[in-house]
Amino acid sequence: MKQYRVGLIRVLTTTDEVLLQSHGALLRQYFPMLDVHSRCLPDQPEGIHDEATMAVGVPKVVALAREMWEEGFEAVIVSCAGDPGVEQARRELPIPVIGAGESTAALSLFYGKTPALLGITSDVPDGYRRILGGRIVSNARGEGVESVLDLMTPEGYSATVDRALQQKKLGAEVIALSCTGMSTLQIAPALEKATGLPVLDPVLCAGMVTYFELLRREMRKEAV
C-alpha cells in the first residue's frame, strides 16, 4: 500500500506529546495510507477560537503549511473546524490544504439534506456556513458545555447527548460535529448510538477528503 506523507497542523500550542499526536494517531488508525506528522502553532495557548486569535493565528498556519510543503509533505490538514488559514495557504501552495470544517460540512450532505451542527461554541464556523447555508436546522452545544474539558465530565457528556437528541427532534438527518476537540474524545460513535443518526467526526472527514484528493491527483498524473 502506497503511503502519502501528510502534515497535520494543531492550532493549539501544547508540549503534551500525546495530545499533539492524538489527531494524527486517529487518522493513522483508520487511514493507514496516510503517514501523518503533527505539529502545533507557536504561542497559541488558547488555540484559535475568536477574531483576535484568528487574526494572529492565520499567518502562523500559512507559514507552517509552507514549511511542511518545503520539507516534502504531499498534503496539509488544518485540524480545526474553523479552517483558519486554509484558503490563504491554498493560494500559496501547490499541494492540497484541507480544512476539517469544510470537509465535515461537505460530507454531511451525503447523509442528509437537513444537517445539525454540534460543538462547544454558539458560532457557526465559516466553512459550515458557506457549504451548508440555510440547510442547517440547528447549531448548538450541550447545556453548560463551553470547552472540551466539559465534555469529559458526566454532566457535560450527558448534556451533549441531550442536545443531539433535541436536534434529531428538530428534523436533523445528520449531525456534523463542529469542534475537532470532540474528535480527540472520539465521541461520534457514542452520539450515533444514542441518536440513531450519522454523526460526522471532523478529523476523520478531513482524512477522507485528503486521501481522495491525493488519489485523484495521482490518477490524473497516470492518465497523462
Protein backbone atom coordinates (compact mmCIF):
# COMPACT_ATOMS: atom_id res chain seq x y z
CA MET A 1 0.00 0.00 0.00
CA LYS A 2 1.36 3.37 -1.00
CA GLN A 3 1.64 5.89 1.80
CA TYR A 4 1.31 9.64 1.42
CA ARG A 5 3.26 11.97 3.69
CA VAL A 6 0.79 14.36 5.27
CA GLY A 7 1.38 17.24 7.66
CA LEU A 8 -1.25 17.96 10.31
CA ILE A 9 -1.45 21.36 11.98
CA ARG A 10 -2.82 21.63 15.51
CA VAL A 11 -3.81 25.23 16.22
CA LEU A 12 -3.44 24.83 19.99
CA THR A 13 0.09 25.22 21.33
CA THR A 14 0.98 22.24 23.51
CA THR A 15 4.00 20.44 24.91
CA ASP A 16 1.87 17.38 25.65
CA GLU A 17 3.08 14.93 23.02
CA VAL A 18 0.09 12.62 23.46
CA LEU A 19 -2.33 15.50 22.87
CA LEU A 20 -0.30 16.80 19.94
CA GLN A 21 -0.28 13.41 18.21
CA SER A 22 -3.87 12.39 19.05
CA HIS A 23 -5.47 13.52 15.79
CA GLY A 24 -2.66 12.05 13.72
CA ALA A 25 -2.98 8.77 15.60
CA LEU A 26 -6.72 8.72 14.86
CA LEU A 27 -6.08 9.25 11.16
CA ARG A 28 -3.37 6.59 11.00
CA GLN A 29 -5.73 4.14 12.68
CA TYR A 30 -8.41 4.49 10.03
CA PHE A 31 -6.33 5.68 7.07
CA PRO A 32 -3.08 3.69 7.18
CA MET A 33 -2.25 5.03 3.73
CA LEU A 34 -1.67 8.46 5.32
CA ASP A 35 1.69 8.91 7.02
CA VAL A 36 0.64 11.76 9.30
CA HIS A 37 3.10 14.06 11.10
CA SER A 38 1.65 16.59 13.56
CA ARG A 39 2.94 19.99 14.61
CA CYS A 40 1.32 22.83 16.54
CA LEU A 41 1.35 26.59 16.15
CA PRO A 42 3.65 28.60 18.42
CA ASP A 43 2.26 30.98 21.04
CA GLN A 44 -1.42 30.00 20.67
CA PRO A 45 -2.17 28.71 24.20
CA GLU A 46 -5.92 29.13 23.64
CA GLY A 47 -5.86 27.87 20.08
CA ILE A 48 -7.98 29.75 17.53
CA HIS A 49 -11.49 30.46 18.73
CA ASP A 50 -12.36 34.11 18.04
CA GLU A 51 -11.45 37.05 15.80
CA ALA A 52 -8.39 38.01 17.84
CA THR A 53 -6.83 34.54 17.90
CA MET A 54 -7.79 34.08 14.24
CA ALA A 55 -6.00 37.28 13.23
CA VAL A 56 -2.70 36.25 14.80
CA GLY A 57 -3.12 32.54 14.05
CA VAL A 58 -3.80 32.57 10.31
CA PRO A 59 -0.31 33.79 9.28
CA LYS A 60 1.18 31.07 11.52
CA VAL A 61 -0.92 28.40 9.83
CA VAL A 62 0.19 29.59 6.41
CA ALA A 63 3.84 29.69 7.48
CA LEU A 64 3.72 26.19 8.96
CA ALA A 65 1.92 24.81 5.90
CA ARG A 66 4.60 26.36 3.68
CA GLU A 67 7.31 24.82 5.88
CA MET A 68 5.70 21.40 5.53
CA TRP A 69 5.49 21.74 1.76
CA GLU A 70 9.15 22.76 1.56
CA GLU A 71 10.02 19.63 3.56
CA GLY A 72 8.27 17.41 1.05
CA PHE A 73 4.85 16.82 2.58
CA GLU A 74 2.27 15.92 -0.05
CA ALA A 75 -0.72 17.48 1.73
CA VAL A 76 -1.54 19.52 4.82
CA ILE A 77 -4.53 19.12 7.12
CA VAL A 78 -5.54 22.03 9.35
CA SER A 79 -7.17 20.27 12.28
CA CYS A 80 -9.59 23.00 13.31
CA ALA A 81 -13.29 23.28 12.47
CA GLY A 82 -12.84 26.98 11.76
CA ASP A 83 -10.40 26.21 8.89
CA PRO A 84 -8.03 29.06 9.80
CA GLY A 85 -5.52 29.86 7.08
CA VAL A 86 -6.79 27.13 4.74
CA GLU A 87 -7.90 29.48 1.96
CA GLN A 88 -4.77 31.61 2.27
CA ALA A 89 -2.41 28.61 2.22
CA ARG A 90 -4.14 27.18 -0.83
CA ARG A 91 -3.39 30.35 -2.75
CA GLU A 92 0.32 29.97 -2.00
CA LEU A 93 0.99 26.23 -2.14
CA PRO A 94 0.68 23.63 -4.93
CA ILE A 95 -0.30 20.79 -2.57
CA PRO A 96 -3.75 20.09 -1.10
CA VAL A 97 -4.54 22.08 2.05
CA ILE A 98 -7.56 20.52 3.73
CA GLY A 99 -9.73 22.08 6.43
CA ALA A 100 -11.54 19.87 8.93
CA GLY A 101 -14.59 22.12 9.00
CA GLU A 102 -15.33 22.33 5.31
CA SER A 103 -14.62 18.60 4.91
CA THR A 104 -17.23 17.78 7.56
CA ALA A 105 -19.78 20.17 6.08
CA ALA A 106 -19.36 18.79 2.56
CA LEU A 107 -19.56 15.13 3.60
CA SER A 108 -22.61 15.75 5.78
CA LEU A 109 -24.65 16.43 2.65
CA PHE A 110 -24.14 12.80 1.62
CA TYR A 111 -26.11 11.73 4.69
CA GLY A 112 -28.97 14.20 4.70
CA LYS A 113 -30.43 17.46 3.46
CA THR A 114 -31.00 18.84 6.97
CA PRO A 115 -27.76 18.81 8.98
CA ALA A 116 -27.33 19.96 12.55
CA LEU A 117 -24.09 21.31 13.98
CA LEU A 118 -22.97 20.23 17.44
CA GLY A 119 -19.91 21.71 19.10
CA ILE A 120 -18.74 23.73 22.09
CA THR A 121 -19.49 27.29 20.89
CA SER A 122 -22.52 29.16 19.62
CA ASP A 123 -20.78 30.27 16.42
CA VAL A 124 -21.20 28.63 13.03
CA PRO A 125 -17.71 28.17 11.53
CA ASP A 126 -17.28 29.80 8.12
CA GLY A 127 -16.81 26.56 6.19
CA TYR A 128 -20.05 25.11 7.52
CA ARG A 129 -21.95 28.33 6.78
CA ARG A 130 -20.56 28.60 3.26
CA ILE A 131 -21.30 24.99 2.28
CA LEU A 132 -24.50 24.32 4.21
CA GLY A 133 -26.09 27.76 4.27
CA GLY A 134 -29.79 27.66 5.11
CA ARG A 135 -29.86 23.86 5.35
CA ILE A 136 -28.65 23.97 8.97
CA VAL A 137 -31.60 23.10 11.21
CA SER A 138 -29.72 23.58 14.47
CA ASN A 139 -26.38 24.87 15.70
CA ALA A 140 -25.90 24.13 19.37
CA ARG A 141 -23.81 22.86 22.24
CA GLY A 142 -24.74 20.92 25.34
CA GLU A 143 -26.12 22.93 28.24
CA GLY A 144 -23.16 24.22 30.25
CA VAL A 145 -20.59 22.91 27.76
CA GLU A 146 -18.06 25.62 26.92
CA SER A 147 -14.90 23.59 26.40
CA VAL A 148 -13.70 20.09 25.58
CA LEU A 149 -12.93 19.67 29.29
CA ASP A 150 -16.65 19.99 29.99
CA LEU A 151 -17.29 17.05 27.68
CA MET A 152 -15.07 14.91 29.89
CA THR A 153 -17.46 15.26 32.82
CA PRO A 154 -20.57 13.08 33.19
CA GLU A 155 -22.71 16.24 33.23
CA GLY A 156 -21.15 17.66 30.07
CA TYR A 157 -21.37 14.38 28.21
CA SER A 158 -25.00 13.89 29.22
CA ALA A 159 -25.86 17.45 28.18
CA THR A 160 -24.27 16.89 24.77
CA VAL A 161 -26.27 13.70 24.22
CA ASP A 162 -29.44 15.52 25.26
CA ARG A 163 -28.73 18.31 22.77
CA ALA A 164 -28.13 15.82 19.98
CA LEU A 165 -31.48 14.18 20.74
CA GLN A 166 -33.13 17.61 20.59
CA GLN A 167 -31.53 18.24 17.22
CA LYS A 168 -33.00 14.99 15.96
CA LYS A 169 -36.45 16.16 17.07
CA LEU A 170 -35.88 19.41 15.15
CA GLY A 171 -35.52 17.38 11.96
CA ALA A 172 -31.79 16.80 11.69
CA GLU A 173 -30.92 13.92 9.40
CA VAL A 174 -27.20 14.09 10.21
CA ILE A 175 -25.10 15.71 12.93
CA ALA A 176 -21.86 17.38 11.89
CA LEU A 177 -19.53 17.91 14.85
CA SER A 178 -18.11 21.44 14.73
CA CYS A 179 -15.14 21.07 17.09
CA THR A 180 -12.08 18.92 16.45
CA GLY A 181 -11.64 18.62 20.21
CA MET A 182 -14.62 16.28 20.04
CA SER A 183 -12.51 14.11 17.73
CA THR A 184 -9.90 13.84 20.47
CA LEU A 185 -12.57 12.28 22.68
CA GLN A 186 -13.91 10.16 19.79
CA ILE A 187 -17.44 10.99 20.87
CA ALA A 188 -19.11 10.49 17.47
CA PRO A 189 -19.83 6.73 17.80
CA ALA A 190 -21.49 7.24 21.19
CA LEU A 191 -23.67 10.02 19.82
CA GLU A 192 -24.62 7.84 16.85
CA LYS A 193 -25.68 5.08 19.21
CA ALA A 194 -27.76 7.49 21.29
CA THR A 195 -29.49 9.25 18.39
CA GLY A 196 -29.58 6.72 15.59
CA LEU A 197 -28.27 9.45 13.26
CA PRO A 198 -24.99 9.63 11.34
CA VAL A 199 -22.55 11.76 13.37
CA LEU A 200 -19.53 13.04 11.46
CA ASP A 201 -16.13 13.33 13.12
CA PRO A 202 -14.27 16.35 11.66
CA VAL A 203 -10.78 14.85 11.85
CA LEU A 204 -11.87 11.67 10.07
CA CYS A 205 -13.73 13.72 7.48
CA ALA A 206 -10.55 15.70 6.81
CA GLY A 207 -8.64 12.45 6.43
CA MET A 208 -11.13 11.09 3.92
CA VAL A 209 -11.06 14.24 1.80
CA THR A 210 -7.27 14.35 1.96
CA TYR A 211 -6.88 10.78 0.79
CA PHE A 212 -9.34 11.21 -2.05
CA GLU A 213 -7.63 14.39 -3.24
CA LEU A 214 -4.19 12.77 -3.17
CA LEU A 215 -5.52 9.74 -5.00
CA ARG A 216 -7.26 11.93 -7.58
CA ARG A 217 -4.05 13.81 -8.27
CA GLU A 218 -2.11 10.58 -8.66
CA MET A 219 -4.67 9.17 -11.10
CA ARG A 220 -4.54 12.36 -13.13
CA LYS A 221 -0.75 12.09 -13.44
CA GLU A 222 -1.02 8.47 -14.55
CA ALA A 223 -3.54 9.40 -17.22
CA VAL A 224 -1.17 11.88 -18.89
